């Protein structure tokens, strides 16, 4: 089980799943801007803070799961313009 902040994936990571761990802290803003990332699953952790607006700028992202964390605030409106998300 991973603990602490979200580990930074390699730059060319396509599928990043660190769900169901004990990760805490905030999502670093640059994290969602990784150009190759298509799947980002951070669900079932203890992450907090706001979801970075940068997540809506990740052009290749097709699936994001931030469920079952301790985020606050609203989802960035710009996520609605991510045409590849399913």
PDB file of N, CA and C in Angstrom:
ATOM      1  N   UNK A   1       0.845  -1.182   0.000  1.00  0.00           N
ATOM      2  CA  UNK A   1       0.000   0.000   0.000  1.00  0.00           C
ATOM      3  C   UNK A   1       0.888   1.242   0.000  1.00  0.00           C
ATOM      4  N   UNK A   2       0.604   2.142  -0.924  1.00  0.00           N
ATOM      5  CA  UNK A   2       1.354   3.400  -1.006  1.00  0.00           C
ATOM      6  C   UNK A   2       0.825   4.396   0.012  1.00  0.00           C
ATOM      7  N   UNK A   3       1.719   5.207   0.588  1.00  0.00           N
ATOM      8  CA  UNK A   3       1.344   6.241   1.547  1.00  0.00           C
ATOM      9  C   UNK A   3       2.052   7.533   1.194  1.00  0.00           C
ATOM     10  N   UNK A   4       1.481   8.660   1.659  1.00  0.00           N
ATOM     11  CA  UNK A   4       2.101   9.953   1.425  1.00  0.00           C
ATOM     12  C   UNK A   4       1.554  10.623   0.186  1.00  0.00           C
ATOM     13  N   UNK A   5       2.329  11.543  -0.407  1.00  0.00           N
ATOM     14  CA  UNK A   5       1.854  12.272  -1.587  1.00  0.00           C
ATOM     15  C   UNK A   5       1.758  11.372  -2.819  1.00  0.00           C
ATOM     16  N   UNK A   6       1.018  11.840  -3.811  1.00  0.00           N
ATOM     17  CA  UNK A   6       0.853  11.097  -5.062  1.00  0.00           C
ATOM     18  C   UNK A   6       2.216  10.956  -5.735  1.00  0.00           C
ATOM     19  N   UNK A   7       2.650   9.731  -6.016  1.00  0.00           N
ATOM     20  CA  UNK A   7       3.929   9.541  -6.715  1.00  0.00           C
ATOM     21  C   UNK A   7       3.852  10.116  -8.131  1.00  0.00           C
ATOM     22  N   UNK A   8       4.903  10.747  -8.555  1.00  0.00           N
ATOM     23  CA  UNK A   8       4.935  11.341  -9.893  1.00  0.00           C
ATOM     24  C   UNK A   8       5.242  10.244 -10.905  1.00  0.00           C
ATOM     25  N   UNK A   9       4.351  10.077 -11.898  1.00  0.00           N
ATOM     26  CA  UNK A   9       4.584   9.023 -12.889  1.00  0.00           C
ATOM     27  C   UNK A   9       5.655   9.417 -13.896  1.00  0.00           C
ATOM     28  N   UNK A  10       6.218   8.441 -14.590  1.00  0.00           N
ATOM     29  CA  UNK A  10       7.166   8.748 -15.671  1.00  0.00           C
ATOM     30  C   UNK A  10       6.470   9.594 -16.743  1.00  0.00           C
ATOM     31  N   UNK A  11       7.207  10.439 -17.453  1.00  0.00           N
ATOM     32  CA  UNK A  11       6.612  11.366 -18.422  1.00  0.00           C
ATOM     33  C   UNK A  11       5.777  10.708 -19.517  1.00  0.00           C
ATOM     34  N   UNK A  12       6.086   9.483 -19.907  1.00  0.00           N
ATOM     35  CA  UNK A  12       5.358   8.847 -21.003  1.00  0.00           C
ATOM     36  C   UNK A  12       4.325   7.827 -20.525  1.00  0.00           C
ATOM     37  N   UNK A  13       3.942   7.903 -19.257  1.00  0.00           N
ATOM     38  CA  UNK A  13       2.939   6.988 -18.700  1.00  0.00           C
ATOM     39  C   UNK A  13       1.609   7.187 -19.420  1.00  0.00           C
ATOM     40  N   UNK A  14       0.948   6.089 -19.762  1.00  0.00           N
ATOM     41  CA  UNK A  14      -0.345   6.148 -20.448  1.00  0.00           C
ATOM     42  C   UNK A  14      -1.483   5.841 -19.480  1.00  0.00           C
ATOM     43  N   UNK A  15      -1.310   4.831 -18.655  1.00  0.00           N
ATOM     44  CA  UNK A  15      -2.342   4.393 -17.714  1.00  0.00           C
ATOM     45  C   UNK A  15      -1.752   4.494 -16.305  1.00  0.00           C
ATOM     46  N   UNK A  16      -2.315   5.379 -15.476  1.00  0.00           N
ATOM     47  CA  UNK A  16      -1.781   5.582 -14.128  1.00  0.00           C
ATOM     48  C   UNK A  16      -2.877   5.301 -13.113  1.00  0.00           C
ATOM     49  N   UNK A  17      -2.740   4.208 -12.396  1.00  0.00           N
ATOM     50  CA  UNK A  17      -3.742   3.785 -11.424  1.00  0.00           C
ATOM     51  C   UNK A  17      -3.065   3.574 -10.075  1.00  0.00           C
ATOM     52  N   UNK A  18      -3.322   4.479  -9.155  1.00  0.00           N
ATOM     53  CA  UNK A  18      -2.832   4.341  -7.785  1.00  0.00           C
ATOM     54  C   UNK A  18      -4.031   4.359  -6.832  1.00  0.00           C
ATOM     55  N   UNK A  19      -5.125   3.782  -7.286  1.00  0.00           N
ATOM     56  CA  UNK A  19      -6.346   3.736  -6.485  1.00  0.00           C
ATOM     57  C   UNK A  19      -6.184   2.802  -5.288  1.00  0.00           C
ATOM     58  N   UNK A  20      -7.043   3.018  -4.307  1.00  0.00           N
ATOM     59  CA  UNK A  20      -7.125   2.160  -3.113  1.00  0.00           C
ATOM     60  C   UNK A  20      -5.798   2.047  -2.374  1.00  0.00           C
ATOM     61  N   UNK A  21      -5.208   3.197  -2.108  1.00  0.00           N
ATOM     62  CA  UNK A  21      -3.991   3.277  -1.305  1.00  0.00           C
ATOM     63  C   UNK A  21      -4.251   4.218  -0.137  1.00  0.00           C
ATOM     64  N   UNK A  22      -3.223   4.763   0.426  1.00  0.00           N
ATOM     65  CA  UNK A  22      -3.344   5.693   1.542  1.00  0.00           C
ATOM     66  C   UNK A  22      -2.637   6.997   1.177  1.00  0.00           C
ATOM     67  N   UNK A  23      -2.856   7.451  -0.059  1.00  0.00           N
ATOM     68  CA  UNK A  23      -2.216   8.679  -0.531  1.00  0.00           C
ATOM     69  C   UNK A  23      -2.919   9.885   0.072  1.00  0.00           C
ATOM     70  N   UNK A  24      -2.151  10.927   0.379  1.00  0.00           N
ATOM     71  CA  UNK A  24      -2.714  12.130   0.988  1.00  0.00           C
ATOM     72  C   UNK A  24      -2.102  13.370   0.352  1.00  0.00           C
ATOM     73  N   UNK A  25      -2.672  14.518   0.694  1.00  0.00           N
ATOM     74  CA  UNK A  25      -2.192  15.778   0.140  1.00  0.00           C
ATOM     75  C   UNK A  25      -2.979  16.159  -1.098  1.00  0.00           C
ATOM     76  N   UNK A  26      -2.440  17.092  -1.853  1.00  0.00           N
ATOM     77  CA  UNK A  26      -3.111  17.605  -3.043  1.00  0.00           C
ATOM     78  C   UNK A  26      -2.505  17.011  -4.305  1.00  0.00           C
ATOM     79  N   UNK A  27      -3.260  17.118  -5.402  1.00  0.00           N
ATOM     80  CA  UNK A  27      -2.747  16.697  -6.707  1.00  0.00           C
ATOM     81  C   UNK A  27      -1.879  17.835  -7.233  1.00  0.00           C
ATOM     82  N   UNK A  28      -0.604  17.600  -7.529  1.00  0.00           N
ATOM     83  CA  UNK A  28       0.227  18.669  -8.095  1.00  0.00           C
ATOM     84  C   UNK A  28      -0.363  19.135  -9.435  1.00  0.00           C
ATOM     85  N   UNK A  29      -0.458  20.447  -9.686  1.00  0.00           N
ATOM     86  CA  UNK A  29      -1.087  20.961 -10.909  1.00  0.00           C
ATOM     87  C   UNK A  29      -0.492  20.415 -12.202  1.00  0.00           C
ATOM     88  N   UNK A  30       0.820  20.214 -12.256  1.00  0.00           N
ATOM     89  CA  UNK A  30       1.441  19.740 -13.496  1.00  0.00           C
ATOM     90  C   UNK A  30       1.095  18.283 -13.782  1.00  0.00           C
ATOM     91  N   UNK A  31       0.643  17.577 -12.775  1.00  0.00           N
ATOM     92  CA  UNK A  31       0.386  16.150 -12.880  1.00  0.00           C
ATOM     93  C   UNK A  31      -0.593  15.818 -14.001  1.00  0.00           C
ATOM     94  N   UNK A  32      -1.662  16.569 -14.103  1.00  0.00           N
ATOM     95  CA  UNK A  32      -2.692  16.304 -15.109  1.00  0.00           C
ATOM     96  C   UNK A  32      -2.276  16.767 -16.497  1.00  0.00           C
ATOM     97  N   UNK A  33      -1.172  17.436 -16.606  1.00  0.00           N
ATOM     98  CA  UNK A  33      -0.717  17.936 -17.903  1.00  0.00           C
ATOM     99  C   UNK A  33       0.242  16.984 -18.605  1.00  0.00           C
ATOM    100  N   UNK A  34       0.431  15.803 -18.070  1.00  0.00           N
ATOM    101  CA  UNK A  34       1.309  14.832 -18.719  1.00  0.00           C
ATOM    102  C   UNK A  34       0.706  14.464 -20.068  1.00  0.00           C
ATOM    103  N   UNK A  35       1.430  14.720 -21.127  1.00  0.00           N
ATOM    104  CA  UNK A  35       0.869  14.651 -22.479  1.00  0.00           C
ATOM    105  C   UNK A  35       0.448  13.264 -22.937  1.00  0.00           C
ATOM    106  N   UNK A  36       1.012  12.214 -22.400  1.00  0.00           N
ATOM    107  CA  UNK A  36       0.672  10.855 -22.847  1.00  0.00           C
ATOM    108  C   UNK A  36      -0.429  10.200 -22.017  1.00  0.00           C
ATOM    109  N   UNK A  37      -0.771  10.799 -20.889  1.00  0.00           N
ATOM    110  CA  UNK A  37      -1.696  10.182 -19.948  1.00  0.00           C
ATOM    111  C   UNK A  37      -3.104  10.066 -20.529  1.00  0.00           C
ATOM    112  N   UNK A  38      -3.644   8.840 -20.536  1.00  0.00           N
ATOM    113  CA  UNK A  38      -5.001   8.601 -21.034  1.00  0.00           C
ATOM    114  C   UNK A  38      -5.952   8.186 -19.914  1.00  0.00           C
ATOM    115  N   UNK A  39      -5.440   7.482 -18.904  1.00  0.00           N
ATOM    116  CA  UNK A  39      -6.256   7.023 -17.776  1.00  0.00           C
ATOM    117  C   UNK A  39      -5.592   7.479 -16.485  1.00  0.00           C
ATOM    118  N   UNK A  40      -6.367   8.156 -15.637  1.00  0.00           N
ATOM    119  CA  UNK A  40      -5.870   8.634 -14.349  1.00  0.00           C
ATOM    120  C   UNK A  40      -6.849   8.197 -13.267  1.00  0.00           C
ATOM    121  N   UNK A  41      -6.445   7.263 -12.431  1.00  0.00           N
ATOM    122  CA  UNK A  41      -7.304   6.759 -11.363  1.00  0.00           C
ATOM    123  C   UNK A  41      -6.627   6.995 -10.022  1.00  0.00           C
ATOM    124  N   UNK A  42      -7.163   7.960  -9.285  1.00  0.00           N
ATOM    125  CA  UNK A  42      -6.665   8.291  -7.947  1.00  0.00           C
ATOM    126  C   UNK A  42      -7.726   7.996  -6.890  1.00  0.00           C
ATOM    127  N   UNK A  43      -8.710   7.189  -7.227  1.00  0.00           N
ATOM    128  CA  UNK A  43      -9.845   6.937  -6.337  1.00  0.00           C
ATOM    129  C   UNK A  43      -9.436   6.178  -5.073  1.00  0.00           C
ATOM    130  N   UNK A  44     -10.303   6.305  -4.065  1.00  0.00           N
ATOM    131  CA  UNK A  44     -10.142   5.574  -2.797  1.00  0.00           C
ATOM    132  C   UNK A  44      -8.811   5.845  -2.108  1.00  0.00           C
ATOM    133  N   UNK A  45      -8.518   7.112  -1.905  1.00  0.00           N
ATOM    134  CA  UNK A  45      -7.342   7.546  -1.166  1.00  0.00           C
ATOM    135  C   UNK A  45      -7.785   8.587  -0.145  1.00  0.00           C
ATOM    136  N   UNK A  46      -6.874   9.400   0.324  1.00  0.00           N
ATOM    137  CA  UNK A  46      -7.194  10.471   1.270  1.00  0.00           C
ATOM    138  C   UNK A  46      -6.716  11.806   0.717  1.00  0.00           C
ATOM    139  N   UNK A  47      -6.853  11.979  -0.579  1.00  0.00           N
ATOM    140  CA  UNK A  47      -6.414  13.215  -1.225  1.00  0.00           C
ATOM    141  C   UNK A  47      -7.359  14.349  -0.859  1.00  0.00           C
ATOM    142  N   UNK A  48      -6.824  15.567  -0.802  1.00  0.00           N
ATOM    143  CA  UNK A  48      -7.625  16.716  -0.380  1.00  0.00           C
ATOM    144  C   UNK A  48      -7.318  17.924  -1.254  1.00  0.00           C
ATOM    145  N   UNK A  49      -7.936  19.038  -0.915  1.00  0.00           N
ATOM    146  CA  UNK A  49      -7.743  20.265  -1.682  1.00  0.00           C
ATOM    147  C   UNK A  49      -8.689  20.309  -2.867  1.00  0.00           C
ATOM    148  N   UNK A  50      -8.341  21.120  -3.846  1.00  0.00           N
ATOM    149  CA  UNK A  50      -9.167  21.259  -5.044  1.00  0.00           C
ATOM    150  C   UNK A  50      -8.561  20.476  -6.195  1.00  0.00           C
ATOM    151  N   UNK A  51      -9.416  20.078  -7.127  1.00  0.00           N
ATOM    152  CA  UNK A  51      -8.942  19.400  -8.333  1.00  0.00           C
ATOM    153  C   UNK A  51      -8.335  20.463  -9.241  1.00  0.00           C
ATOM    154  N   UNK A  52      -7.086  20.301  -9.651  1.00  0.00           N
ATOM    155  CA  UNK A  52      -6.423  21.327 -10.470  1.00  0.00           C
ATOM    156  C   UNK A  52      -7.130  21.562 -11.804  1.00  0.00           C
ATOM    157  N   UNK A  53      -7.210  22.830 -12.204  1.00  0.00           N
ATOM    158  CA  UNK A  53      -7.791  23.183 -13.503  1.00  0.00           C
ATOM    159  C   UNK A  53      -6.990  22.538 -14.622  1.00  0.00           C
ATOM    160  N   UNK A  54      -5.716  22.303 -14.400  1.00  0.00           N
ATOM    161  CA  UNK A  54      -4.860  21.687 -15.422  1.00  0.00           C
ATOM    162  C   UNK A  54      -5.400  20.341 -15.877  1.00  0.00           C
ATOM    163  N   UNK A  55      -6.177  19.664 -15.039  1.00  0.00           N
ATOM    164  CA  UNK A  55      -6.731  18.359 -15.424  1.00  0.00           C
ATOM    165  C   UNK A  55      -7.660  18.488 -16.622  1.00  0.00           C
ATOM    166  N   UNK A  56      -8.237  19.640 -16.810  1.00  0.00           N
ATOM    167  CA  UNK A  56      -9.129  19.826 -17.952  1.00  0.00           C
ATOM    168  C   UNK A  56      -8.354  20.156 -19.224  1.00  0.00           C
ATOM    169  N   UNK A  57      -7.064  20.379 -19.113  1.00  0.00           N
ATOM    170  CA  UNK A  57      -6.240  20.707 -20.283  1.00  0.00           C
ATOM    171  C   UNK A  57      -5.471  19.506 -20.820  1.00  0.00           C
ATOM    172  N   UNK A  58      -5.608  18.383 -20.175  1.00  0.00           N
ATOM    173  CA  UNK A  58      -4.896  17.175 -20.608  1.00  0.00           C
ATOM    174  C   UNK A  58      -5.623  16.593 -21.812  1.00  0.00           C
ATOM    175  N   UNK A  59      -5.115  16.854 -22.982  1.00  0.00           N
ATOM    176  CA  UNK A  59      -5.835  16.548 -24.220  1.00  0.00           C
ATOM    177  C   UNK A  59      -6.035  15.066 -24.486  1.00  0.00           C
ATOM    178  N   UNK A  60      -5.206  14.203 -23.941  1.00  0.00           N
ATOM    179  CA  UNK A  60      -5.324  12.769 -24.215  1.00  0.00           C
ATOM    180  C   UNK A  60      -6.144  12.013 -23.167  1.00  0.00           C
ATOM    181  N   UNK A  61      -6.485  12.657 -22.056  1.00  0.00           N
ATOM    182  CA  UNK A  61      -7.208  11.959 -20.992  1.00  0.00           C
ATOM    183  C   UNK A  61      -8.560  11.448 -21.471  1.00  0.00           C
ATOM    184  N   UNK A  62      -8.816  10.175 -21.219  1.00  0.00           N
ATOM    185  CA  UNK A  62     -10.092   9.560 -21.595  1.00  0.00           C
ATOM    186  C   UNK A  62     -10.892   9.138 -20.369  1.00  0.00           C
ATOM    187  N   UNK A  63     -10.203   8.917 -19.251  1.00  0.00           N
ATOM    188  CA  UNK A  63     -10.896   8.520 -18.030  1.00  0.00           C
ATOM    189  C   UNK A  63     -10.183   9.115 -16.819  1.00  0.00           C
ATOM    190  N   UNK A  64     -10.968   9.737 -15.941  1.00  0.00           N
ATOM    191  CA  UNK A  64     -10.458  10.282 -14.685  1.00  0.00           C
ATOM    192  C   UNK A  64     -11.356   9.750 -13.574  1.00  0.00           C
ATOM    193  N   UNK A  65     -10.768   9.263 -12.499  1.00  0.00           N
ATOM    194  CA  UNK A  65     -11.552   8.854 -11.333  1.00  0.00           C
ATOM    195  C   UNK A  65     -10.900   9.436 -10.088  1.00  0.00           C
ATOM    196  N   UNK A  66     -11.594  10.418  -9.491  1.00  0.00           N
ATOM    197  CA  UNK A  66     -11.139  11.059  -8.263  1.00  0.00           C
ATOM    198  C   UNK A  66     -12.064  10.703  -7.094  1.00  0.00           C
ATOM    199  N   UNK A  67     -12.942   9.738  -7.279  1.00  0.00           N
ATOM    200  CA  UNK A  67     -13.966   9.431  -6.275  1.00  0.00           C
ATOM    201  C   UNK A  67     -13.366   8.908  -4.967  1.00  0.00           C
ATOM    202  N   UNK A  68     -14.153   9.067  -3.913  1.00  0.00           N
ATOM    203  CA  UNK A  68     -13.818   8.555  -2.580  1.00  0.00           C
ATOM    204  C   UNK A  68     -12.492   9.102  -2.065  1.00  0.00           C
ATOM    205  N   UNK A  69     -12.378  10.424  -2.122  1.00  0.00           N
ATOM    206  CA  UNK A  69     -11.271  11.171  -1.541  1.00  0.00           C
ATOM    207  C   UNK A  69     -11.875  12.272  -0.683  1.00  0.00           C
ATOM    208  N   UNK A  70     -11.110  13.262  -0.338  1.00  0.00           N
ATOM    209  CA  UNK A  70     -11.594  14.341   0.519  1.00  0.00           C
ATOM    210  C   UNK A  70     -11.438  15.697  -0.167  1.00  0.00           C
ATOM    211  N   UNK A  71     -11.692  15.723  -1.471  1.00  0.00           N
ATOM    212  CA  UNK A  71     -11.579  16.977  -2.214  1.00  0.00           C
ATOM    213  C   UNK A  71     -12.652  17.949  -1.763  1.00  0.00           C
ATOM    214  N   UNK A  72     -12.380  19.234  -1.962  1.00  0.00           N
ATOM    215  CA  UNK A  72     -13.357  20.262  -1.616  1.00  0.00           C
ATOM    216  C   UNK A  72     -13.585  21.161  -2.819  1.00  0.00           C
ATOM    217  N   UNK A  73     -14.693  21.847  -2.801  1.00  0.00           N
ATOM    218  CA  UNK A  73     -15.010  22.747  -3.908  1.00  0.00           C
ATOM    219  C   UNK A  73     -15.695  22.010  -5.046  1.00  0.00           C
ATOM    220  N   UNK A  74     -15.844  22.725  -6.139  1.00  0.00           N
ATOM    221  CA  UNK A  74     -16.534  22.188  -7.307  1.00  0.00           C
ATOM    222  C   UNK A  74     -15.537  21.657  -8.325  1.00  0.00           C
ATOM    223  N   UNK A  75     -16.034  20.808  -9.208  1.00  0.00           N
ATOM    224  CA  UNK A  75     -15.210  20.362 -10.336  1.00  0.00           C
ATOM    225  C   UNK A  75     -14.950  21.547 -11.250  1.00  0.00           C
ATOM    226  N   UNK A  76     -13.778  21.638 -11.834  1.00  0.00           N
ATOM    227  CA  UNK A  76     -13.528  22.722 -12.789  1.00  0.00           C
ATOM    228  C   UNK A  76     -14.518  22.631 -13.956  1.00  0.00           C
ATOM    229  N   UNK A  77     -15.168  23.741 -14.286  1.00  0.00           N
ATOM    230  CA  UNK A  77     -16.136  23.764 -15.389  1.00  0.00           C
ATOM    231  C   UNK A  77     -15.510  23.332 -16.701  1.00  0.00           C
ATOM    232  N   UNK A  78     -14.249  23.605 -16.850  1.00  0.00           N
ATOM    233  CA  UNK A  78     -13.576  23.280 -18.106  1.00  0.00           C
ATOM    234  C   UNK A  78     -13.492  21.774 -18.356  1.00  0.00           C
ATOM    235  N   UNK A  79     -13.750  20.950 -17.348  1.00  0.00           N
ATOM    236  CA  UNK A  79     -13.776  19.502 -17.578  1.00  0.00           C
ATOM    237  C   UNK A  79     -14.875  19.125 -18.572  1.00  0.00           C
ATOM    238  N   UNK A  80     -15.910  19.937 -18.639  1.00  0.00           N
ATOM    239  CA  UNK A  80     -17.015  19.667 -19.566  1.00  0.00           C
ATOM    240  C   UNK A  80     -16.575  19.772 -21.020  1.00  0.00           C
ATOM    241  N   UNK A  81     -15.478  20.455 -21.276  1.00  0.00           N
ATOM    242  CA  UNK A  81     -15.006  20.610 -22.654  1.00  0.00           C
ATOM    243  C   UNK A  81     -14.010  19.528 -23.066  1.00  0.00           C
ATOM    244  N   UNK A  82     -13.735  18.602 -22.192  1.00  0.00           N
ATOM    245  CA  UNK A  82     -12.804  17.507 -22.512  1.00  0.00           C
ATOM    246  C   UNK A  82     -13.545  16.476 -23.356  1.00  0.00           C
ATOM    247  N   UNK A  83     -13.427  16.597 -24.642  1.00  0.00           N
ATOM    248  CA  UNK A  83     -14.224  15.781 -25.560  1.00  0.00           C
ATOM    249  C   UNK A  83     -13.853  14.305 -25.557  1.00  0.00           C
ATOM    250  N   UNK A  84     -12.691  13.945 -25.081  1.00  0.00           N
ATOM    251  CA  UNK A  84     -12.273  12.537 -25.092  1.00  0.00           C
ATOM    252  C   UNK A  84     -12.686  11.775 -23.839  1.00  0.00           C
ATOM    253  N   UNK A  85     -13.124  12.488 -22.807  1.00  0.00           N
ATOM    254  CA  UNK A  85     -13.528  11.802 -21.580  1.00  0.00           C
ATOM    255  C   UNK A  85     -14.789  10.981 -21.819  1.00  0.00           C
ATOM    256  N   UNK A  86     -14.791   9.784 -21.280  1.00  0.00           N
ATOM    257  CA  UNK A  86     -15.979   8.920 -21.403  1.00  0.00           C
ATOM    258  C   UNK A  86     -16.549   8.617 -20.038  1.00  0.00           C
TER     259      UNK A  86
END
